[in-house]
Amino acid sequence: MKPSSISATLLSRMWANTVEFYRVFARCSRHGWVVERDGVVMLSTGIPAPDFNLAYLLPSPRDPARAVAVAVEHFAPSGLPWTLMALEPHDSTAVDAVAAAAGLRRNHPWPGMVLTPESGHPPTAPANLSISTVESETTWHTFLTTLAHGYGVPAHLLELIDTPAWLTMPDLTPYLAWLDGQPVGTAMRFFSHGIGGIQAVSTLPEQRGKGIGAALTWHAAHDTQGMHQIASALQSSALGFNVYQRIGYRHVLDAPTWTPVG
């Protein structure tokens, strides 16, 4: 589906929020690191999955080949899978050739979606669903266990981010959804640049189809007391795309990505 139009200002704020969230993500991880140079921001969490180790190519880099080479140079010694992403669609044509030359191949794009305050449709959720903020180390551990189950990854992979640092970030709020007293889903909101960025939305596989993910996303997007939020934004998985559209998120871009061959 072709993305709808979006203002340059909103696009810029959306991407700034995304990059800043991953800076926080890397810094809260036990073995995370952040490097910024030559038109690329590189962020590693140490988790061996390509979506958790990212190189963001900044808009219109002066030398795309150099930017891609720097990303390869920093990630190759780690042995971690990683993803290169262009922050604006017009970068992709210039990057394809240099990415291929550096041993990267075009991968699936990440759909970017936006919900503005005047739009949206509140979802219907189970009457016995409750959503709480994560405020203690015990519930943070429950959050990570639930997230791992919802994402379908081994729980031990998320041990690298099982640190209390997450609970001290003033602009980041993790949420847990509970059904009949049991944790069934997760979400996060990270606020910066006037954008409430939604991250880590998950629902346990056996609880899907009940509106839990939609309820979590809507709650996180509108939990904005004291914030001057221009819009809520997220990068969607294939599984969540239709869910977000139903509650009013607009598909506004497809961020091109590249991953190492092999």
C-alpha atoms as a PDB file:
ATOM      1  CA  MET A   1       0.000   0.000   0.000  1.00  0.00           C
ATOM      2  CA  LYS A   2       1.378   3.408  -0.968  1.00  0.00           C
ATOM      3  CA  PRO A   3       2.076   5.687   2.030  1.00  0.00           C
ATOM      4  CA  SER A   4       0.069   8.896   2.405  1.00  0.00           C
ATOM      5  CA  SER A   5       1.778  12.277   2.466  1.00  0.00           C
ATOM      6  CA  ILE A   6       3.329  13.788   5.583  1.00  0.00           C
ATOM      7  CA  SER A   7       4.845  17.207   6.268  1.00  0.00           C
ATOM      8  CA  ALA A   8       8.629  17.478   6.279  1.00  0.00           C
ATOM      9  CA  THR A   9       8.505  18.850   9.818  1.00  0.00           C
ATOM     10  CA  LEU A  10       6.481  15.934  11.187  1.00  0.00           C
ATOM     11  CA  LEU A  11       8.693  13.452   9.351  1.00  0.00           C
ATOM     12  CA  SER A  12      11.796  15.046  10.857  1.00  0.00           C
ATOM     13  CA  ARG A  13      10.325  14.950  14.370  1.00  0.00           C
ATOM     14  CA  MET A  14       9.210  11.365  13.929  1.00  0.00           C
ATOM     15  CA  TRP A  15      12.673  10.174  12.958  1.00  0.00           C
ATOM     16  CA  ALA A  16      14.376  12.254  15.648  1.00  0.00           C
ATOM     17  CA  ASN A  17      12.158  10.551  18.226  1.00  0.00           C
ATOM     18  CA  THR A  18      12.962   7.092  16.844  1.00  0.00           C
ATOM     19  CA  VAL A  19      16.719   7.640  16.864  1.00  0.00           C
ATOM     20  CA  GLU A  20      16.640   9.139  20.346  1.00  0.00           C
ATOM     21  CA  PHE A  21      14.694   6.145  21.651  1.00  0.00           C
ATOM     22  CA  TYR A  22      17.321   3.760  20.320  1.00  0.00           C
ATOM     23  CA  ARG A  23      20.057   5.886  21.882  1.00  0.00           C
ATOM     24  CA  VAL A  24      18.311   5.337  25.213  1.00  0.00           C
ATOM     25  CA  PHE A  25      17.822   1.649  24.406  1.00  0.00           C
ATOM     26  CA  ALA A  26      21.541   1.156  23.742  1.00  0.00           C
ATOM     27  CA  ARG A  27      22.608   3.112  26.804  1.00  0.00           C
ATOM     28  CA  CYS A  28      20.285   1.131  29.083  1.00  0.00           C
ATOM     29  CA  SER A  29      21.669  -2.188  27.820  1.00  0.00           C
ATOM     30  CA  ARG A  30      24.447  -3.973  29.668  1.00  0.00           C
ATOM     31  CA  HIS A  31      26.719  -4.114  26.615  1.00  0.00           C
ATOM     32  CA  GLY A  32      25.177  -1.366  24.491  1.00  0.00           C
ATOM     33  CA  TRP A  33      27.073   1.343  22.633  1.00  0.00           C
ATOM     34  CA  VAL A  34      26.350   4.411  20.521  1.00  0.00           C
ATOM     35  CA  VAL A  35      28.642   5.898  17.859  1.00  0.00           C
ATOM     36  CA  GLU A  36      27.786   8.889  15.657  1.00  0.00           C
ATOM     37  CA  ARG A  37      29.992   9.996  12.768  1.00  0.00           C
ATOM     38  CA  ASP A  38      30.148  10.571   9.013  1.00  0.00           C
ATOM     39  CA  GLY A  39      26.392  10.876   8.571  1.00  0.00           C
ATOM     40  CA  VAL A  40      25.397   7.677  10.359  1.00  0.00           C
ATOM     41  CA  VAL A  41      24.195   6.945  13.904  1.00  0.00           C
ATOM     42  CA  MET A  42      25.097   3.423  15.060  1.00  0.00           C
ATOM     43  CA  LEU A  43      23.376   1.872  18.070  1.00  0.00           C
ATOM     44  CA  SER A  44      23.922  -1.605  19.459  1.00  0.00           C
ATOM     45  CA  THR A  45      22.068  -3.241  22.347  1.00  0.00           C
ATOM     46  CA  GLY A  46      24.158  -6.398  22.290  1.00  0.00           C
ATOM     47  CA  ILE A  47      21.065  -8.517  21.616  1.00  0.00           C
ATOM     48  CA  PRO A  48      21.836 -10.912  18.715  1.00  0.00           C
ATOM     49  CA  ALA A  49      18.942  -9.875  16.481  1.00  0.00           C
ATOM     50  CA  PRO A  50      19.121  -7.426  13.527  1.00  0.00           C
ATOM     51  CA  ASP A  51      16.267  -5.198  14.747  1.00  0.00           C
ATOM     52  CA  PHE A  52      18.167  -4.456  17.973  1.00  0.00           C
ATOM     53  CA  ASN A  53      21.406  -3.265  16.366  1.00  0.00           C
ATOM     54  CA  LEU A  54      20.812  -0.384  13.993  1.00  0.00           C
ATOM     55  CA  ALA A  55      22.733   2.039  11.820  1.00  0.00           C
ATOM     56  CA  TYR A  56      20.599   5.049  10.933  1.00  0.00           C
ATOM     57  CA  LEU A  57      21.735   6.817   7.800  1.00  0.00           C
ATOM     58  CA  LEU A  58      20.990  10.488   8.348  1.00  0.00           C
ATOM     59  CA  PRO A  59      19.113  12.436   5.633  1.00  0.00           C
ATOM     60  CA  SER A  60      21.190  13.307   2.555  1.00  0.00           C
ATOM     61  CA  PRO A  61      24.642  12.238   3.803  1.00  0.00           C
ATOM     62  CA  ARG A  62      27.485  14.074   2.085  1.00  0.00           C
ATOM     63  CA  ASP A  63      29.179  10.775   1.222  1.00  0.00           C
ATOM     64  CA  PRO A  64      26.811   7.749   1.308  1.00  0.00           C
ATOM     65  CA  ALA A  65      29.616   5.307   0.530  1.00  0.00           C
ATOM     66  CA  ARG A  66      31.646   6.548   3.483  1.00  0.00           C
ATOM     67  CA  ALA A  67      28.626   6.401   5.800  1.00  0.00           C
ATOM     68  CA  VAL A  68      27.882   2.789   4.830  1.00  0.00           C
ATOM     69  CA  ALA A  69      31.561   1.834   5.150  1.00  0.00           C
ATOM     70  CA  VAL A  70      31.680   3.315   8.660  1.00  0.00           C
ATOM     71  CA  ALA A  71      28.626   1.281   9.688  1.00  0.00           C
ATOM     72  CA  VAL A  72      30.161  -1.949   8.353  1.00  0.00           C
ATOM     73  CA  GLU A  73      33.449  -1.097  10.070  1.00  0.00           C
ATOM     74  CA  HIS A  74      31.783  -0.717  13.474  1.00  0.00           C
ATOM     75  CA  PHE A  75      29.423  -3.692  13.348  1.00  0.00           C
ATOM     76  CA  ALA A  76      31.598  -6.321  11.649  1.00  0.00           C
ATOM     77  CA  PRO A  77      33.934  -6.983  14.635  1.00  0.00           C
ATOM     78  CA  SER A  78      30.968  -7.500  16.986  1.00  0.00           C
ATOM     79  CA  GLY A  79      29.611 -10.468  15.056  1.00  0.00           C
ATOM     80  CA  LEU A  80      26.102  -9.196  15.782  1.00  0.00           C
ATOM     81  CA  PRO A  81      23.379  -9.164  13.112  1.00  0.00           C
ATOM     82  CA  TRP A  82      22.430  -5.571  12.308  1.00  0.00           C
ATOM     83  CA  THR A  83      20.313  -3.392  10.050  1.00  0.00           C
ATOM     84  CA  LEU A  84      21.110  -0.239   8.079  1.00  0.00           C
ATOM     85  CA  MET A  85      18.142   2.099   7.690  1.00  0.00           C
ATOM     86  CA  ALA A  86      17.727   5.291   5.668  1.00  0.00           C
ATOM     87  CA  LEU A  87      15.806   7.972   7.501  1.00  0.00           C
ATOM     88  CA  GLU A  88      14.133   9.430   4.427  1.00  0.00           C
ATOM     89  CA  PRO A  89      12.841   7.558   1.360  1.00  0.00           C
ATOM     90  CA  HIS A  90      14.852   9.620  -1.137  1.00  0.00           C
ATOM     91  CA  ASP A  91      18.092   8.269   0.341  1.00  0.00           C
ATOM     92  CA  SER A  92      17.430   4.718  -0.842  1.00  0.00           C
ATOM     93  CA  THR A  93      18.355   5.093  -4.507  1.00  0.00           C
ATOM     94  CA  ALA A  94      21.762   6.522  -3.686  1.00  0.00           C
ATOM     95  CA  VAL A  95      22.401   3.894  -1.037  1.00  0.00           C
ATOM     96  CA  ASP A  96      21.490   0.732  -2.980  1.00  0.00           C
ATOM     97  CA  ALA A  97      24.690   0.582  -5.037  1.00  0.00           C
ATOM     98  CA  VAL A  98      27.071   1.421  -2.200  1.00  0.00           C
ATOM     99  CA  ALA A  99      25.257  -0.968   0.151  1.00  0.00           C
ATOM    100  CA  ALA A 100      25.598  -3.816  -2.354  1.00  0.00           C
ATOM    101  CA  ALA A 101      29.289  -3.023  -2.806  1.00  0.00           C
ATOM    102  CA  ALA A 102      29.719  -3.213   0.989  1.00  0.00           C
ATOM    103  CA  GLY A 103      28.076  -6.649   1.190  1.00  0.00           C
ATOM    104  CA  LEU A 104      24.570  -5.527   2.184  1.00  0.00           C
ATOM    105  CA  ARG A 105      21.289  -6.406   0.518  1.00  0.00           C
ATOM    106  CA  ARG A 106      17.965  -4.568   0.460  1.00  0.00           C
ATOM    107  CA  ASN A 107      15.642  -6.053   3.047  1.00  0.00           C
ATOM    108  CA  HIS A 108      12.020  -5.473   4.058  1.00  0.00           C
ATOM    109  CA  PRO A 109      11.074  -1.809   4.671  1.00  0.00           C
ATOM    110  CA  TRP A 110       9.805  -0.644   8.047  1.00  0.00           C
ATOM    111  CA  PRO A 111       6.385   1.024   7.706  1.00  0.00           C
ATOM    112  CA  GLY A 112       6.163   4.307   9.600  1.00  0.00           C
ATOM    113  CA  MET A 113       2.747   5.292  10.961  1.00  0.00           C
ATOM    114  CA  VAL A 114       1.382   8.446  12.608  1.00  0.00           C
ATOM    115  CA  LEU A 115      -1.673   9.241  14.731  1.00  0.00           C
ATOM    116  CA  THR A 116      -2.567  12.907  15.177  1.00  0.00           C
ATOM    117  CA  PRO A 117      -4.624  14.172  18.149  1.00  0.00           C
ATOM    118  CA  GLU A 118      -7.706  14.954  16.061  1.00  0.00           C
ATOM    119  CA  SER A 119      -7.872  11.477  14.501  1.00  0.00           C
ATOM    120  CA  GLY A 120      -8.294   7.928  15.671  1.00  0.00           C
ATOM    121  CA  HIS A 121     -10.903   5.420  16.776  1.00  0.00           C
ATOM    122  CA  PRO A 122     -10.788   4.099  20.362  1.00  0.00           C
ATOM    123  CA  PRO A 123     -10.603   0.296  20.244  1.00  0.00           C
ATOM    124  CA  THR A 124     -12.870  -2.128  22.049  1.00  0.00           C
ATOM    125  CA  ALA A 125     -10.987  -4.200  24.598  1.00  0.00           C
ATOM    126  CA  PRO A 126     -12.000  -6.971  27.014  1.00  0.00           C
ATOM    127  CA  ALA A 127     -13.910  -5.593  30.007  1.00  0.00           C
ATOM    128  CA  ASN A 128     -11.511  -7.333  32.414  1.00  0.00           C
ATOM    129  CA  LEU A 129      -8.368  -5.854  30.797  1.00  0.00           C
ATOM    130  CA  SER A 130      -6.313  -3.388  32.829  1.00  0.00           C
ATOM    131  CA  ILE A 131      -3.171  -1.459  31.885  1.00  0.00           C
ATOM    132  CA  SER A 132      -0.571  -0.298  34.401  1.00  0.00           C
ATOM    133  CA  THR A 133       2.746   1.521  34.204  1.00  0.00           C
ATOM    134  CA  VAL A 134       5.916  -0.353  35.100  1.00  0.00           C
ATOM    135  CA  GLU A 135       7.455   1.263  38.162  1.00  0.00           C
ATOM    136  CA  SER A 136       9.475  -1.428  39.961  1.00  0.00           C
ATOM    137  CA  GLU A 137      12.277  -3.837  39.103  1.00  0.00           C
ATOM    138  CA  THR A 138       9.920  -6.753  39.710  1.00  0.00           C
ATOM    139  CA  THR A 139       7.332  -5.538  37.203  1.00  0.00           C
ATOM    140  CA  TRP A 140      10.126  -4.600  34.764  1.00  0.00           C
ATOM    141  CA  HIS A 141      11.253  -8.214  34.856  1.00  0.00           C
ATOM    142  CA  THR A 142       7.632  -9.281  34.242  1.00  0.00           C
ATOM    143  CA  PHE A 143       7.486  -6.800  31.351  1.00  0.00           C
ATOM    144  CA  LEU A 144      10.570  -8.353  29.712  1.00  0.00           C
ATOM    145  CA  THR A 145       9.338 -11.918  30.198  1.00  0.00           C
ATOM    146  CA  THR A 146       5.994 -10.994  28.634  1.00  0.00           C
ATOM    147  CA  LEU A 147       7.690  -9.103  25.807  1.00  0.00           C
ATOM    148  CA  ALA A 148       9.937 -12.066  25.000  1.00  0.00           C
ATOM    149  CA  HIS A 149       6.951 -14.432  24.896  1.00  0.00           C
ATOM    150  CA  GLY A 150       4.970 -11.976  22.780  1.00  0.00           C
ATOM    151  CA  TYR A 151       7.855 -11.513  20.335  1.00  0.00           C
ATOM    152  CA  GLY A 152       8.575 -15.235  20.226  1.00  0.00           C
ATOM    153  CA  VAL A 153      12.207 -14.932  21.317  1.00  0.00           C
ATOM    154  CA  PRO A 154      14.042 -16.749  24.123  1.00  0.00           C
ATOM    155  CA  ALA A 155      13.718 -14.818  27.380  1.00  0.00           C
ATOM    156  CA  HIS A 156      17.468 -14.986  28.035  1.00  0.00           C
ATOM    157  CA  LEU A 157      18.116 -12.746  25.005  1.00  0.00           C
ATOM    158  CA  LEU A 158      16.465  -9.856  26.852  1.00  0.00           C
ATOM    159  CA  GLU A 159      18.565 -10.314  29.986  1.00  0.00           C
ATOM    160  CA  LEU A 160      20.976  -7.755  28.511  1.00  0.00           C
ATOM    161  CA  ILE A 161      18.352  -5.058  29.022  1.00  0.00           C
ATOM    162  CA  ASP A 162      17.097  -6.276  32.397  1.00  0.00           C
ATOM    163  CA  THR A 163      18.534  -3.248  34.211  1.00  0.00           C
ATOM    164  CA  PRO A 164      16.928  -0.661  36.525  1.00  0.00           C
ATOM    165  CA  ALA A 165      18.182   2.129  34.237  1.00  0.00           C
ATOM    166  CA  TRP A 166      14.950   1.854  32.253  1.00  0.00           C
ATOM    167  CA  LEU A 167      12.940   2.932  35.284  1.00  0.00           C
ATOM    168  CA  THR A 168      14.836   6.209  35.687  1.00  0.00           C
ATOM    169  CA  MET A 169      14.246   7.596  32.189  1.00  0.00           C
ATOM    170  CA  PRO A 170      11.864  10.561  32.635  1.00  0.00           C
ATOM    171  CA  ASP A 171      10.534  10.485  29.056  1.00  0.00           C
ATOM    172  CA  LEU A 172      10.008   6.738  28.802  1.00  0.00           C
ATOM    173  CA  THR A 173       6.996   4.856  30.150  1.00  0.00           C
ATOM    174  CA  PRO A 174       6.621   1.052  29.911  1.00  0.00           C
ATOM    175  CA  TYR A 175       3.125  -0.450  30.200  1.00  0.00           C
ATOM    176  CA  LEU A 176       1.851  -3.909  31.102  1.00  0.00           C
ATOM    177  CA  ALA A 177      -1.591  -5.211  30.163  1.00  0.00           C
ATOM    178  CA  TRP A 178      -3.265  -7.598  32.576  1.00  0.00           C
ATOM    179  CA  LEU A 179      -6.161  -9.949  31.877  1.00  0.00           C
ATOM    180  CA  ASP A 180      -7.744 -11.612  34.893  1.00  0.00           C
ATOM    181  CA  GLY A 181      -4.656 -10.657  36.889  1.00  0.00           C
ATOM    182  CA  GLN A 182      -2.170 -12.210  34.462  1.00  0.00           C
ATOM    183  CA  PRO A 183       0.291 -10.215  32.267  1.00  0.00           C
ATOM    184  CA  VAL A 184      -0.712 -10.562  28.609  1.00  0.00           C
ATOM    185  CA  GLY A 185       0.908  -7.686  26.703  1.00  0.00           C
ATOM    186  CA  THR A 186       3.408  -4.827  26.669  1.00  0.00           C
ATOM    187  CA  ALA A 187       3.988  -1.389  25.179  1.00  0.00           C
ATOM    188  CA  MET A 188       6.245   1.639  25.694  1.00  0.00           C
ATOM    189  CA  ARG A 189       5.915   5.342  25.015  1.00  0.00           C
ATOM    190  CA  PHE A 190       9.004   7.494  24.506  1.00  0.00           C
ATOM    191  CA  PHE A 191       8.393  11.226  24.336  1.00  0.00           C
ATOM    192  CA  SER A 192      10.769  13.588  22.531  1.00  0.00           C
ATOM    193  CA  HIS A 193      10.608  16.274  19.830  1.00  0.00           C
ATOM    194  CA  GLY A 194       6.870  16.590  20.454  1.00  0.00           C
ATOM    195  CA  ILE A 195       6.300  12.964  19.416  1.00  0.00           C
ATOM    196  CA  GLY A 196       5.005  10.122  21.550  1.00  0.00           C
ATOM    197  CA  GLY A 197       6.880   7.211  20.007  1.00  0.00           C
ATOM    198  CA  ILE A 198       5.257   3.823  20.594  1.00  0.00           C
ATOM    199  CA  GLN A 199       7.602   0.862  20.988  1.00  0.00           C
ATOM    200  CA  ALA A 200       7.661  -2.761  22.195  1.00  0.00           C
ATOM    201  CA  VAL A 201       3.984  -3.521  21.531  1.00  0.00           C
ATOM    202  CA  SER A 202       3.399  -7.221  22.081  1.00  0.00           C
ATOM    203  CA  THR A 203       0.615  -9.633  23.002  1.00  0.00           C
ATOM    204  CA  LEU A 204       1.014 -13.223  24.126  1.00  0.00           C
ATOM    205  CA  PRO A 205       0.216 -15.511  21.173  1.00  0.00           C
ATOM    206  CA  GLU A 206      -2.601 -17.279  23.008  1.00  0.00           C
ATOM    207  CA  GLN A 207      -4.263 -13.927  23.797  1.00  0.00           C
ATOM    208  CA  ARG A 208      -4.243 -12.384  20.316  1.00  0.00           C
ATOM    209  CA  GLY A 209      -7.413 -11.367  18.531  1.00  0.00           C
ATOM    210  CA  LYS A 210      -8.993  -9.829  21.646  1.00  0.00           C
ATOM    211  CA  GLY A 211      -7.980  -6.213  21.062  1.00  0.00           C
ATOM    212  CA  ILE A 212      -5.191  -6.178  23.659  1.00  0.00           C
ATOM    213  CA  GLY A 213      -2.485  -4.789  21.370  1.00  0.00           C
ATOM    214  CA  ALA A 214      -4.825  -2.082  20.086  1.00  0.00           C
ATOM    215  CA  ALA A 215      -5.829  -1.135  23.630  1.00  0.00           C
ATOM    216  CA  LEU A 216      -2.192  -0.910  24.744  1.00  0.00           C
ATOM    217  CA  THR A 217      -1.227   1.223  21.751  1.00  0.00           C
ATOM    218  CA  TRP A 218      -4.174   3.572  22.201  1.00  0.00           C
ATOM    219  CA  HIS A 219      -3.495   3.910  25.932  1.00  0.00           C
ATOM    220  CA  ALA A 220       0.208   4.671  25.395  1.00  0.00           C
ATOM    221  CA  ALA A 221      -0.554   7.165  22.616  1.00  0.00           C
ATOM    222  CA  HIS A 222      -3.005   9.115  24.789  1.00  0.00           C
ATOM    223  CA  ASP A 223      -1.262   8.919  28.166  1.00  0.00           C
ATOM    224  CA  THR A 224       0.098  12.431  27.680  1.00  0.00           C
ATOM    225  CA  GLN A 225      -0.609  14.404  30.843  1.00  0.00           C
ATOM    226  CA  GLY A 226       1.488  17.563  30.873  1.00  0.00           C
ATOM    227  CA  MET A 227       3.031  16.887  27.465  1.00  0.00           C
ATOM    228  CA  HIS A 228       2.684  19.002  24.359  1.00  0.00           C
ATOM    229  CA  GLN A 229       2.393  16.033  22.024  1.00  0.00           C
ATOM    230  CA  ILE A 230       2.022  16.842  18.338  1.00  0.00           C
ATOM    231  CA  ALA A 231       1.457  13.236  17.260  1.00  0.00           C
ATOM    232  CA  SER A 232       2.034   9.620  18.148  1.00  0.00           C
ATOM    233  CA  ALA A 233       4.289   7.625  15.824  1.00  0.00           C
ATOM    234  CA  LEU A 234       5.470   4.053  15.451  1.00  0.00           C
ATOM    235  CA  GLN A 235       7.241   1.647  13.153  1.00  0.00           C
ATOM    236  CA  SER A 236       4.964  -1.266  12.426  1.00  0.00           C
ATOM    237  CA  SER A 237       5.547  -4.971  12.098  1.00  0.00           C
ATOM    238  CA  ALA A 238       3.574  -6.898   9.497  1.00  0.00           C
ATOM    239  CA  LEU A 239       1.528  -8.425  12.322  1.00  0.00           C
ATOM    240  CA  GLY A 240       0.510  -5.085  13.789  1.00  0.00           C
ATOM    241  CA  PHE A 241      -0.077  -3.028  10.641  1.00  0.00           C
ATOM    242  CA  ASN A 242      -3.821  -3.626  10.278  1.00  0.00           C
ATOM    243  CA  VAL A 243      -4.337  -3.253  14.035  1.00  0.00           C
ATOM    244  CA  TYR A 244      -2.781   0.223  13.987  1.00  0.00           C
ATOM    245  CA  GLN A 245      -4.699   1.260  10.894  1.00  0.00           C
ATOM    246  CA  ARG A 246      -8.004   0.297  12.509  1.00  0.00           C
ATOM    247  CA  ILE A 247      -7.424   2.671  15.420  1.00  0.00           C
ATOM    248  CA  GLY A 248      -6.471   5.545  13.129  1.00  0.00           C
ATOM    249  CA  TYR A 249      -2.723   5.416  12.482  1.00  0.00           C
ATOM    250  CA  ARG A 250      -1.815   6.558   8.952  1.00  0.00           C
ATOM    251  CA  HIS A 251       0.851   4.777   6.937  1.00  0.00           C
ATOM    252  CA  VAL A 252       3.152   7.663   5.981  1.00  0.00           C
ATOM    253  CA  LEU A 253       6.412   6.087   4.810  1.00  0.00           C
ATOM    254  CA  ASP A 254       8.339   2.902   4.178  1.00  0.00           C
ATOM    255  CA  ALA A 255      11.852   3.197   5.584  1.00  0.00           C
ATOM    256  CA  PRO A 256      14.266   1.215   3.366  1.00  0.00           C
ATOM    257  CA  THR A 257      16.595  -1.193   5.152  1.00  0.00           C
ATOM    258  CA  TRP A 258      19.668  -3.245   4.300  1.00  0.00           C
ATOM    259  CA  THR A 259      21.239  -6.190   6.150  1.00  0.00           C
ATOM    260  CA  PRO A 260      24.534  -8.054   5.674  1.00  0.00           C
ATOM    261  CA  VAL A 261      24.478 -10.927   3.160  1.00  0.00           C
ATOM    262  CA  GLY A 262      24.816 -14.344   4.765  1.00  0.00           C
END
